[in-house]
Amino acid sequence: MRHQHALTASLAAALALGLTAVACGDTEEENTGDDPIVLTDASTQDSDASHDLSDGDSDAALDIPDSGPVGPGDEVGAIEWCQLVSPHASELTIGQTLTAYAQVYAIGRTEGDAREDSGVKGQLGIGAIGSDPTADSAWTWIDATANPNFSDASGNHDEYMASHLAETTGSFAFAFRFQVDGGAWFYCDTDGHSASNQSEGFSTDALGSLTVAEAGTHKVGWCNLQNTARAISTLGKHLVTSQVYVEGLTENGNAGSPLIRAQIGHGAIGSDPATWSESDWSDAVVNSAANADALGNNNEYMATLSGLAAGSHAFAFRYKANGDSDWFYCDSDGHSAAPTGEADGFSTDKLGHLTVLDPSLLAVGWCRLQNDAAQITTADTFTAYGQVWVDGLTGASNGFVDDPAIEAQLGLVSPASDLRNFDADESVWTDAAINAQASAEALGNNNEYMASKANLAAGQYSFAFRFRVAGASSWTYCDLEPGSSDDFQVERQGTLTVTE
């Protein structure tokens, strides 16, 4: 949510008396931080980071009146808002360090780019899951310092940071709190706490989450990258799988282990995945559908790539077990921790390759209706099939996977008529889905779609398929063999007879 802080009447009066403050009409964004951040050790954490805030409500503003109280008071120094910015969730082992960041707005004290006011104090707290840091004296509090690399010259927030050394295993909650000039503590959660907006109150349901495990000796011994070449549209997604072996952890029938972290990442073609930004990596999960017997001593993980810009992208998997200090990267022919030859090493030439296509540059190249004539009763369900070719997006090279850029529909009309005359009649057309059971050998470069209609009245029907690429202004209509290659022929529509 974007906060817009109005200057209250009593603050204006305070300024008139010569107190130092800055009028606040600036806006700042909040960070929801929904993605968990796993920190390895103190040397790998982004302690110099500056955190922008954004949660999707960028047009919303705090409704602070021209007069009356603002939170604990509208005097200079009153804390109006704060938020635990990053991380919102962290997994560590004994001896590793959590560094957390929070931002605060205190009227007349945090505006501009001074970064720190000696009267503003922040603390990071660690406590039991489900407990309330505002009331539980068992919480441990650590003094925070201003983040020297945070810059907010035109805004009204300051950012503070504090670190906690993980010394005890278990699950914990964490939060931030601030006070000004020794006043009351003001507590911060991951959603942001506003003094003047009741809908942004402090909640124990929105605290940070910390999991600390024993430092272990398990290390990744081998991993590979699967389904490595694919093309999708900018609307599509690519499911990637990977296998990993960790002695003592993965000999478990593909059950996974909390001591193994798996991630998928993407970057520039030819680049080293170790140089890719942390924001380009996301967590993977165990592929529970994989055949455990076929996996042997390995576990299989999966993750989806989506939302990428048009162009070519490399992708890879990486793993870290609880005994690894660094990530272990995987390529298409397998990477072994103890390679016996060149094929067992890691190579950037053997990463996955994803081509992302702009739908506006694509078109239906060909399509065909698969069914001919059919006869059913009113108690039956009718199913029809259609095939389509879109260069670069359909067929064996793309695993016959449905892409949202391809729109497919079955048309069915009675009495028998030219279906093109019902182009805009939604009652005639039914969305079709990919036929995952179609024979790959028979499809070649095509995808096959299917759609069903039930509860049809007795009568004579015409049916056909039509396809288009998302954003296209017109459909390509599909009749029987040879399909759309010689234009649509009414006499080659499918015919359906429905009897009582």
Protein backbone atom coordinates (compact mmCIF):
# COMPACT_ATOMS: atom_id res chain seq x y z
CA MET A 1 0.00 0.00 0.00
CA ARG A 2 1.26 3.46 -0.83
CA HIS A 3 1.14 5.77 2.19
CA GLN A 4 0.41 9.44 1.82
CA HIS A 5 0.83 11.27 5.10
CA ALA A 6 -1.04 14.53 5.56
CA LEU A 7 0.25 17.30 7.81
CA THR A 8 -2.09 17.54 10.80
CA ALA A 9 -3.29 20.72 12.37
CA SER A 10 -1.30 20.41 15.59
CA LEU A 11 1.84 19.47 13.67
CA ALA A 12 1.37 22.59 11.60
CA ALA A 13 1.07 24.53 14.85
CA ALA A 14 4.24 22.93 16.14
CA LEU A 15 6.07 24.00 13.01
CA ALA A 16 4.75 27.50 13.48
CA LEU A 17 6.44 27.51 16.90
CA GLY A 18 9.76 26.77 15.26
CA LEU A 19 10.02 22.99 15.82
CA THR A 20 12.01 21.21 13.16
CA ALA A 21 9.97 18.90 10.94
CA VAL A 22 9.31 18.17 7.31
CA ALA A 23 5.83 18.28 5.75
CA CYS A 24 4.94 14.90 4.35
CA GLY A 25 3.20 14.69 1.02
CA ASP A 26 5.53 12.06 -0.27
CA THR A 27 4.63 8.50 -0.90
CA GLU A 28 6.39 5.23 -0.27
CA GLU A 29 5.65 1.68 -1.24
CA GLU A 30 5.40 -1.33 1.04
CA ASN A 31 6.87 -4.74 0.40
CA THR A 32 4.71 -7.76 1.19
CA GLY A 33 7.76 -10.02 0.92
CA ASP A 34 5.60 -13.08 0.21
CA ASP A 35 8.54 -15.13 -1.03
CA PRO A 36 10.51 -16.84 1.71
CA ILE A 37 14.20 -15.87 1.91
CA VAL A 38 16.63 -18.53 2.98
CA LEU A 39 19.88 -17.13 4.36
CA THR A 40 23.03 -19.21 4.42
CA ASP A 41 25.51 -17.42 6.63
CA ALA A 42 26.36 -13.90 7.63
CA SER A 43 28.72 -13.39 4.71
CA THR A 44 26.05 -14.17 2.11
CA GLN A 45 23.30 -11.89 3.38
CA ASP A 46 22.35 -8.67 1.70
CA SER A 47 23.20 -6.42 4.62
CA ASP A 48 23.69 -3.47 2.30
CA ALA A 49 20.32 -3.80 0.69
CA SER A 50 17.77 -1.04 0.39
CA HIS A 51 14.19 -2.29 0.34
CA ASP A 52 11.35 -0.82 -1.71
CA LEU A 53 7.81 -1.44 -0.53
CA SER A 54 4.97 -2.56 -2.80
CA ASP A 55 1.95 -4.75 -2.15
CA GLY A 56 -0.37 -4.04 -5.03
CA ASP A 57 -2.49 -1.36 -3.32
CA SER A 58 -0.32 1.37 -4.77
CA ASP A 59 -3.21 3.79 -5.21
CA ALA A 60 -4.45 3.57 -1.65
CA ALA A 61 -3.54 6.29 0.84
CA LEU A 62 -3.84 6.68 4.57
CA ASP A 63 -6.78 8.92 5.38
CA ILE A 64 -5.25 11.19 8.00
CA PRO A 65 -7.60 14.03 8.98
CA ASP A 66 -6.64 17.68 9.02
CA SER A 67 -7.08 17.73 12.78
CA GLY A 68 -7.44 15.27 15.62
CA PRO A 69 -5.13 12.51 16.83
CA VAL A 70 -2.83 10.49 14.60
CA GLY A 71 -2.15 7.21 16.37
CA PRO A 72 -0.58 7.86 19.76
CA GLY A 73 -0.69 11.58 19.09
CA ASP A 74 -0.09 14.02 16.27
CA GLU A 75 2.88 15.65 17.95
CA VAL A 76 6.29 15.65 16.35
CA GLY A 77 7.85 12.25 17.05
CA ALA A 78 4.64 10.18 17.05
CA ILE A 79 5.14 6.90 15.18
CA GLU A 80 2.54 6.69 12.44
CA TRP A 81 3.60 3.50 10.63
CA CYS A 82 6.18 0.70 10.48
CA GLN A 83 6.68 -2.61 8.70
CA LEU A 84 8.91 -5.68 8.91
CA VAL A 85 10.18 -5.51 5.34
CA SER A 86 12.50 -8.47 4.83
CA PRO A 87 12.69 -11.39 5.19
CA HIS A 88 9.23 -12.64 6.07
CA ALA A 89 10.41 -16.24 6.40
CA SER A 90 13.88 -17.70 6.87
CA GLU A 91 15.41 -21.16 7.30
CA LEU A 92 18.82 -21.38 9.01
CA THR A 93 21.08 -23.92 10.63
CA ILE A 94 22.90 -23.50 13.93
CA GLY A 95 25.60 -20.85 13.63
CA GLN A 96 23.98 -18.96 10.76
CA THR A 97 22.67 -15.42 11.06
CA LEU A 98 19.31 -13.84 10.32
CA THR A 99 19.51 -10.18 9.26
CA ALA A 100 16.11 -8.50 9.21
CA TYR A 101 15.03 -5.08 7.96
CA ALA A 102 12.15 -2.82 8.98
CA GLN A 103 11.01 0.66 7.94
CA VAL A 104 9.41 3.29 10.14
CA TYR A 105 7.67 6.64 9.75
CA ALA A 106 7.80 8.93 12.77
CA ILE A 107 6.23 12.36 12.30
CA GLY A 108 8.88 15.01 11.97
CA ARG A 109 11.73 12.58 12.64
CA THR A 110 12.20 10.23 9.68
CA GLU A 111 11.48 12.46 6.70
CA GLY A 112 14.18 13.28 4.20
CA ASP A 113 17.45 11.41 3.72
CA ALA A 114 19.13 11.77 7.11
CA ARG A 115 18.79 7.97 7.55
CA GLU A 116 18.92 8.03 11.35
CA ASP A 117 17.55 10.09 14.22
CA SER A 118 19.28 9.47 17.54
CA GLY A 119 15.92 9.57 19.30
CA VAL A 120 14.42 6.82 17.14
CA LYS A 121 15.19 3.34 18.43
CA GLY A 122 14.45 0.07 16.67
CA GLN A 123 14.71 -3.51 17.87
CA LEU A 124 14.42 -6.98 16.35
CA GLY A 125 12.58 -9.46 18.54
CA ILE A 126 12.62 -13.28 18.58
CA GLY A 127 9.95 -15.30 20.36
CA ALA A 128 7.77 -18.37 20.38
CA ILE A 129 5.42 -19.18 17.50
CA GLY A 130 1.91 -17.99 18.35
CA SER A 131 3.00 -15.66 21.13
CA ASP A 132 2.33 -11.91 21.26
CA PRO A 133 5.48 -9.77 21.31
CA THR A 134 3.51 -6.83 22.71
CA ALA A 135 2.71 -8.78 25.88
CA ASP A 136 5.10 -11.74 26.18
CA SER A 137 8.15 -10.88 28.31
CA ALA A 138 9.93 -14.04 27.08
CA TRP A 139 10.74 -12.38 23.77
CA THR A 140 14.41 -11.47 23.20
CA TRP A 141 15.07 -8.02 21.75
CA ILE A 142 18.16 -6.91 19.81
CA ASP A 143 18.99 -3.27 19.13
CA ALA A 144 18.84 -2.27 15.47
CA THR A 145 20.86 0.29 13.55
CA ALA A 146 19.93 2.45 10.58
CA ASN A 147 20.70 0.84 7.23
CA PRO A 148 23.40 3.18 5.83
CA ASN A 149 22.56 2.20 2.26
CA PHE A 150 18.86 3.01 2.47
CA SER A 151 17.96 6.17 0.55
CA ASP A 152 14.59 7.92 0.78
CA ALA A 153 15.42 11.56 0.10
CA SER A 154 11.94 12.45 -1.14
CA GLY A 155 10.01 10.26 1.25
CA ASN A 156 9.34 9.88 4.95
CA HIS A 157 10.67 6.47 6.00
CA ASP A 158 13.91 5.32 7.61
CA GLU A 159 15.10 1.71 7.42
CA TYR A 160 16.69 -0.19 10.31
CA MET A 161 18.45 -3.55 10.40
CA ALA A 162 19.43 -6.04 13.09
CA SER A 163 20.97 -9.52 13.17
CA HIS A 164 20.23 -12.62 15.23
CA LEU A 165 22.67 -15.54 15.57
CA ALA A 166 20.84 -18.88 15.43
CA GLU A 167 21.97 -20.90 18.44
CA THR A 168 18.90 -23.05 19.20
CA THR A 169 17.00 -25.39 16.88
CA GLY A 170 13.27 -24.99 16.48
CA SER A 171 10.61 -22.74 15.00
CA PHE A 172 10.36 -19.11 16.07
CA ALA A 173 8.51 -15.89 15.30
CA PHE A 174 10.22 -12.55 14.82
CA ALA A 175 9.09 -8.93 14.64
CA PHE A 176 10.37 -5.36 14.86
CA ARG A 177 9.41 -2.54 17.20
CA PHE A 178 10.24 1.17 17.41
CA GLN A 179 10.08 3.95 19.98
CA VAL A 180 10.87 7.66 19.89
CA ASP A 181 12.67 9.45 22.74
CA GLY A 182 12.06 6.56 25.12
CA GLY A 183 8.29 6.54 24.55
CA ALA A 184 5.95 3.60 24.09
CA TRP A 185 6.99 0.80 21.77
CA PHE A 186 5.22 0.57 18.41
CA TYR A 187 5.22 -2.96 16.93
CA CYS A 188 5.69 -3.90 13.28
CA ASP A 189 4.46 -6.95 11.35
CA THR A 190 5.00 -8.06 7.76
CA ASP A 191 1.80 -6.40 6.51
CA GLY A 192 2.59 -2.98 7.98
CA HIS A 193 1.12 -1.40 11.13
CA SER A 194 -0.54 2.02 10.91
CA ALA A 195 -1.49 4.07 13.97
CA SER A 196 -4.29 5.88 12.17
CA ASN A 197 -5.78 3.15 9.99
CA GLN A 198 -7.59 0.41 11.92
CA SER A 199 -7.49 -1.92 8.91
CA GLU A 200 -3.69 -1.91 9.21
CA GLY A 201 -3.37 -2.91 12.82
CA PHE A 202 -0.65 -5.10 14.31
CA SER A 203 -1.33 -8.84 13.97
CA THR A 204 0.45 -11.84 15.47
CA ASP A 205 -0.69 -13.72 12.36
CA ALA A 206 1.66 -11.58 10.27
CA LEU A 207 4.92 -12.05 12.17
CA GLY A 208 8.12 -13.26 10.56
CA SER A 209 8.83 -17.01 10.63
CA LEU A 210 12.24 -18.49 11.49
CA THR A 211 13.18 -22.18 11.36
CA VAL A 212 16.56 -23.28 12.76
CA ALA A 213 17.91 -26.80 12.10
CA GLU A 214 21.02 -28.61 13.26
CA ALA A 215 24.10 -27.94 11.18
CA GLY A 216 24.51 -31.16 9.23
CA THR A 217 27.01 -33.10 7.20
CA HIS A 218 24.73 -34.07 4.30
CA LYS A 219 25.96 -32.78 0.95
CA VAL A 220 24.59 -32.98 -2.58
CA GLY A 221 26.35 -35.78 -4.45
CA TRP A 222 24.68 -35.52 -7.85
CA CYS A 223 21.84 -33.81 -9.71
CA ASN A 224 20.54 -33.36 -13.22
CA LEU A 225 18.19 -31.12 -15.19
CA GLN A 226 15.34 -32.62 -17.24
CA ASN A 227 12.97 -31.45 -20.04
CA THR A 228 15.55 -28.90 -21.09
CA ALA A 229 14.36 -27.43 -24.42
CA ARG A 230 11.01 -25.80 -24.93
CA ALA A 231 9.17 -22.86 -26.47
CA ILE A 232 6.22 -21.11 -24.83
CA SER A 233 4.38 -17.85 -25.33
CA THR A 234 4.65 -14.97 -22.89
CA LEU A 235 1.31 -16.25 -21.52
CA GLY A 236 2.58 -19.79 -21.07
CA LYS A 237 4.55 -21.72 -18.48
CA HIS A 238 7.11 -24.50 -18.53
CA LEU A 239 7.18 -27.26 -15.93
CA VAL A 240 10.76 -28.36 -15.26
CA THR A 241 11.85 -31.43 -13.31
CA SER A 242 15.20 -32.35 -11.79
CA GLN A 243 16.64 -35.27 -9.85
CA VAL A 244 19.06 -35.11 -6.92
CA TYR A 245 21.04 -37.55 -4.80
CA VAL A 246 22.12 -36.76 -1.24
CA GLU A 247 23.57 -39.69 0.65
CA GLY A 248 21.52 -40.44 3.74
CA LEU A 249 18.58 -38.24 2.68
CA THR A 250 17.20 -39.25 -0.73
CA GLU A 251 17.09 -43.03 -0.27
CA ASN A 252 13.53 -42.56 0.96
CA GLY A 253 11.17 -43.39 -1.90
CA ASN A 254 11.00 -39.80 -3.19
CA ALA A 255 9.66 -38.47 0.12
CA GLY A 256 11.84 -35.36 0.04
CA SER A 257 13.65 -33.91 3.04
CA PRO A 258 13.41 -30.60 4.92
CA LEU A 259 17.22 -30.63 4.95
CA ILE A 260 17.33 -30.22 1.15
CA ARG A 261 16.64 -26.93 -0.59
CA ALA A 262 15.77 -27.05 -4.31
CA GLN A 263 15.38 -24.05 -6.62
CA ILE A 264 14.88 -23.24 -10.29
CA GLY A 265 16.42 -20.16 -11.87
CA HIS A 266 16.70 -18.43 -15.22
CA GLY A 267 19.20 -16.08 -16.82
CA ALA A 268 20.94 -15.07 -20.03
CA ILE A 269 21.97 -17.73 -22.54
CA GLY A 270 25.61 -18.69 -21.98
CA SER A 271 25.83 -17.13 -18.53
CA ASP A 272 26.86 -18.91 -15.34
CA PRO A 273 23.87 -19.63 -13.04
CA ALA A 274 26.07 -18.79 -10.06
CA THR A 275 25.98 -15.16 -11.26
CA TRP A 276 22.21 -14.95 -11.65
CA SER A 277 20.35 -12.60 -9.33
CA GLU A 278 18.66 -14.12 -6.27
CA SER A 279 15.38 -12.68 -7.58
CA ASP A 280 15.71 -15.00 -10.60
CA TRP A 281 15.49 -18.09 -8.37
CA SER A 282 12.39 -19.63 -6.82
CA ASP A 283 11.78 -22.70 -4.66
CA ALA A 284 10.95 -26.10 -6.13
CA VAL A 285 8.93 -28.89 -4.53
CA VAL A 286 9.09 -32.69 -4.59
CA ASN A 287 7.36 -34.17 -7.64
CA SER A 288 5.08 -36.57 -5.78
CA ALA A 289 3.79 -37.97 -9.09
CA ALA A 290 7.21 -39.32 -10.08
CA ASN A 291 7.74 -43.09 -10.10
CA ALA A 292 9.69 -43.73 -6.89
CA ASP A 293 10.87 -47.15 -8.08
CA ALA A 294 12.36 -45.65 -11.23
CA LEU A 295 14.12 -42.95 -9.22
CA GLY A 296 16.18 -45.40 -7.20
CA ASN A 297 18.15 -43.46 -4.58
CA ASN A 298 17.20 -40.08 -6.04
CA ASN A 299 14.43 -37.61 -5.28
CA GLU A 300 12.71 -35.67 -8.06
CA TYR A 301 11.75 -32.00 -7.72
CA MET A 302 9.70 -29.77 -9.98
CA ALA A 303 9.09 -26.06 -10.55
CA THR A 304 7.42 -23.87 -13.16
CA LEU A 305 8.89 -21.06 -15.23
CA SER A 306 6.39 -18.37 -16.25
CA GLY A 307 6.00 -14.64 -16.71
CA LEU A 308 9.22 -14.28 -18.69
CA ALA A 309 9.76 -11.66 -21.36
CA ALA A 310 9.86 -12.63 -25.04
CA GLY A 311 13.29 -13.89 -26.02
CA SER A 312 15.68 -16.74 -25.19
CA HIS A 313 16.40 -17.76 -21.62
CA ALA A 314 18.69 -20.29 -19.98
CA PHE A 315 17.39 -22.17 -16.96
CA ALA A 316 18.86 -24.48 -14.34
CA PHE A 317 18.20 -26.24 -11.06
CA ARG A 318 20.31 -25.95 -7.92
CA TYR A 319 20.35 -27.72 -4.56
CA LYS A 320 21.74 -27.19 -1.10
CA ALA A 321 21.72 -29.81 1.66
CA ASN A 322 22.23 -28.92 5.30
CA GLY A 323 25.94 -29.69 5.06
CA ASP A 324 26.57 -27.57 1.96
CA SER A 325 27.96 -24.08 2.27
CA ASP A 326 27.31 -23.27 -1.40
CA TRP A 327 24.63 -24.12 -3.96
CA PHE A 328 25.21 -27.17 -6.17
CA TYR A 329 24.15 -26.57 -9.80
CA CYS A 330 22.68 -29.10 -12.24
CA ASP A 331 22.92 -29.46 -16.02
CA SER A 332 21.22 -31.74 -18.54
CA ASP A 333 23.71 -34.63 -18.43
CA GLY A 334 24.18 -34.61 -14.68
CA HIS A 335 26.65 -32.96 -12.33
CA SER A 336 28.56 -35.13 -9.87
CA ALA A 337 30.33 -33.88 -6.74
CA ALA A 338 33.09 -36.37 -7.54
CA PRO A 339 33.27 -36.31 -11.36
CA THR A 340 35.13 -39.13 -13.08
CA GLY A 341 35.10 -37.46 -16.48
CA GLU A 342 34.07 -34.34 -18.36
CA ALA A 343 30.49 -35.58 -18.67
CA ASP A 344 30.12 -35.58 -14.87
CA GLY A 345 31.10 -31.93 -14.45
CA PHE A 346 28.92 -28.86 -14.70
CA SER A 347 28.70 -26.98 -18.00
CA THR A 348 26.83 -23.81 -18.93
CA ASP A 349 26.52 -25.30 -22.43
CA LYS A 350 24.16 -27.92 -21.03
CA LEU A 351 21.60 -25.72 -19.31
CA GLY A 352 17.95 -25.65 -20.23
CA HIS A 353 16.91 -23.40 -23.10
CA LEU A 354 13.50 -21.72 -23.07
CA THR A 355 12.27 -19.68 -26.03
CA VAL A 356 9.49 -17.26 -25.11
CA LEU A 357 7.37 -16.06 -28.03
CA ASP A 358 5.29 -12.91 -28.39
CA PRO A 359 1.71 -14.01 -29.24
CA SER A 360 1.20 -10.96 -31.44
CA LEU A 361 3.81 -12.40 -33.82
CA LEU A 362 2.20 -15.85 -34.01
CA ALA A 363 -0.66 -17.20 -36.14
CA VAL A 364 -2.54 -20.44 -36.72
CA GLY A 365 -0.76 -22.15 -39.62
CA TRP A 366 -3.18 -25.03 -40.08
CA CYS A 367 -6.02 -26.86 -38.33
CA ARG A 368 -8.32 -29.80 -38.97
CA LEU A 369 -11.50 -31.36 -37.58
CA GLN A 370 -10.82 -34.99 -36.62
CA ASN A 371 -14.39 -36.36 -36.32
CA ASP A 372 -16.59 -37.04 -39.36
CA ALA A 373 -20.20 -38.12 -38.95
CA ALA A 374 -21.62 -39.34 -35.66
CA GLN A 375 -24.95 -40.54 -34.27
CA ILE A 376 -25.90 -40.48 -30.57
CA THR A 377 -29.01 -40.39 -28.39
CA THR A 378 -30.17 -37.55 -26.19
CA ALA A 379 -28.76 -39.44 -23.19
CA ASP A 380 -25.23 -39.50 -24.64
CA THR A 381 -22.36 -37.05 -24.49
CA PHE A 382 -20.75 -35.99 -27.75
CA THR A 383 -16.98 -35.41 -27.92
CA ALA A 384 -15.15 -33.91 -30.87
CA TYR A 385 -11.47 -33.45 -31.62
CA GLY A 386 -9.45 -30.90 -33.57
CA GLN A 387 -5.76 -30.52 -34.37
CA VAL A 388 -3.81 -27.29 -34.81
CA TRP A 389 -0.33 -26.21 -35.85
CA VAL A 390 1.20 -22.94 -34.64
CA ASP A 391 4.80 -22.65 -35.76
CA GLY A 392 7.13 -22.77 -32.75
CA LEU A 393 4.38 -23.45 -30.21
CA THR A 394 2.86 -26.88 -30.95
CA GLY A 395 4.06 -30.42 -31.47
CA ALA A 396 6.65 -32.84 -30.19
CA SER A 397 9.38 -30.24 -29.66
CA ASN A 398 7.15 -28.59 -27.06
CA GLY A 399 5.84 -31.76 -25.50
CA PHE A 400 2.33 -31.25 -26.92
CA VAL A 401 1.65 -29.03 -23.89
CA ASP A 402 -1.24 -26.58 -23.93
CA ASP A 403 -0.25 -22.94 -24.12
CA PRO A 404 -2.71 -20.22 -23.04
CA ALA A 405 -1.89 -18.30 -26.21
CA ILE A 406 -3.75 -20.93 -28.24
CA GLU A 407 -7.53 -20.57 -28.04
CA ALA A 408 -9.60 -23.55 -29.20
CA GLN A 409 -13.38 -23.96 -29.50
CA LEU A 410 -15.90 -26.53 -30.72
CA GLY A 411 -18.94 -25.22 -32.58
CA LEU A 412 -22.21 -27.15 -32.67
CA VAL A 413 -25.41 -25.83 -34.26
CA SER A 414 -28.84 -27.18 -35.18
CA PRO A 415 -30.31 -27.23 -37.74
CA ALA A 416 -27.17 -27.95 -39.80
CA SER A 417 -25.69 -24.64 -40.94
CA ASP A 418 -22.45 -22.91 -41.90
CA LEU A 419 -20.78 -22.36 -38.51
CA ARG A 420 -18.95 -19.28 -39.73
CA ASN A 421 -22.31 -17.50 -39.66
CA PHE A 422 -22.35 -17.91 -35.88
CA ASP A 423 -18.98 -16.30 -35.27
CA ALA A 424 -20.17 -14.13 -32.36
CA ASP A 425 -22.85 -16.44 -30.94
CA GLU A 426 -21.31 -17.71 -27.69
CA SER A 427 -24.11 -20.25 -27.23
CA VAL A 428 -22.82 -22.14 -30.25
CA TRP A 429 -19.19 -22.38 -29.18
CA THR A 430 -17.59 -24.37 -26.33
CA ASP A 431 -13.99 -23.94 -25.14
CA ALA A 432 -11.80 -26.94 -25.86
CA ALA A 433 -8.88 -28.34 -23.83
CA ILE A 434 -5.70 -30.16 -24.81
CA ASN A 435 -6.13 -33.89 -25.39
CA ALA A 436 -3.35 -35.24 -23.19
CA GLN A 437 -4.08 -38.82 -24.34
CA ALA A 438 -3.47 -38.17 -28.03
CA SER A 439 -0.77 -40.23 -29.74
CA ALA A 440 2.42 -38.19 -29.93
CA GLU A 441 3.57 -40.15 -32.98
CA ALA A 442 0.39 -39.30 -34.88
CA LEU A 443 0.44 -35.61 -33.92
CA GLY A 444 3.87 -34.68 -35.26
CA ASN A 445 4.09 -30.89 -35.07
CA ASN A 446 0.44 -30.48 -34.04
CA ASN A 447 -1.48 -30.29 -30.77
CA GLU A 448 -4.86 -31.96 -30.38
CA TYR A 449 -7.80 -30.42 -28.50
CA MET A 450 -11.12 -31.87 -27.42
CA ALA A 451 -14.50 -30.64 -26.21
CA SER A 452 -17.74 -32.34 -25.15
CA LYS A 453 -21.43 -31.47 -25.20
CA ALA A 454 -24.16 -33.23 -23.23
CA ASN A 455 -27.97 -32.99 -23.00
CA LEU A 456 -28.39 -32.28 -26.70
CA ALA A 457 -31.91 -32.16 -28.12
CA ALA A 458 -32.87 -34.55 -30.91
CA GLY A 459 -32.03 -33.18 -34.34
CA GLN A 460 -29.39 -32.69 -37.04
CA TYR A 461 -26.27 -30.71 -36.14
CA SER A 462 -23.22 -29.32 -37.88
CA PHE A 463 -19.95 -29.15 -35.94
CA ALA A 464 -16.45 -27.84 -36.51
CA PHE A 465 -13.42 -26.53 -34.62
CA ARG A 466 -11.88 -23.10 -34.72
CA PHE A 467 -8.55 -21.79 -33.39
CA ARG A 468 -6.77 -18.49 -32.93
CA VAL A 469 -3.76 -17.08 -31.12
CA ALA A 470 -4.58 -14.79 -28.21
CA GLY A 471 -5.10 -11.23 -29.37
CA ALA A 472 -5.99 -12.19 -32.96
CA SER A 473 -9.04 -10.42 -34.36
CA SER A 474 -10.38 -13.45 -36.26
CA TRP A 475 -10.64 -17.21 -35.96
CA THR A 476 -9.32 -19.91 -38.28
CA TYR A 477 -12.11 -22.41 -38.96
CA CYS A 478 -11.29 -26.10 -39.32
CA ASP A 479 -13.10 -28.71 -41.44
CA LEU A 480 -12.31 -32.31 -42.27
CA GLU A 481 -9.28 -33.52 -44.26
CA PRO A 482 -7.28 -31.75 -45.61
CA GLY A 483 -8.30 -29.12 -43.09
CA SER A 484 -7.79 -25.38 -43.38
CA SER A 485 -4.96 -25.66 -45.92
CA ASP A 486 -7.47 -25.18 -48.75
CA ASP A 487 -9.85 -22.92 -46.82
CA PHE A 488 -12.98 -23.91 -44.95
CA GLN A 489 -15.59 -25.90 -46.91
CA VAL A 490 -19.15 -26.09 -45.54
CA GLU A 491 -19.65 -29.57 -46.98
CA ARG A 492 -16.65 -30.75 -44.95
CA GLN A 493 -18.13 -29.78 -41.58
CA GLY A 494 -18.87 -32.66 -39.23
CA THR A 495 -22.46 -33.92 -39.04
CA LEU A 496 -24.14 -35.15 -35.88
CA THR A 497 -27.48 -36.89 -35.59
CA VAL A 498 -29.14 -36.96 -32.17
CA THR A 499 -32.12 -39.27 -31.63
CA GLU A 500 -34.45 -39.83 -28.70
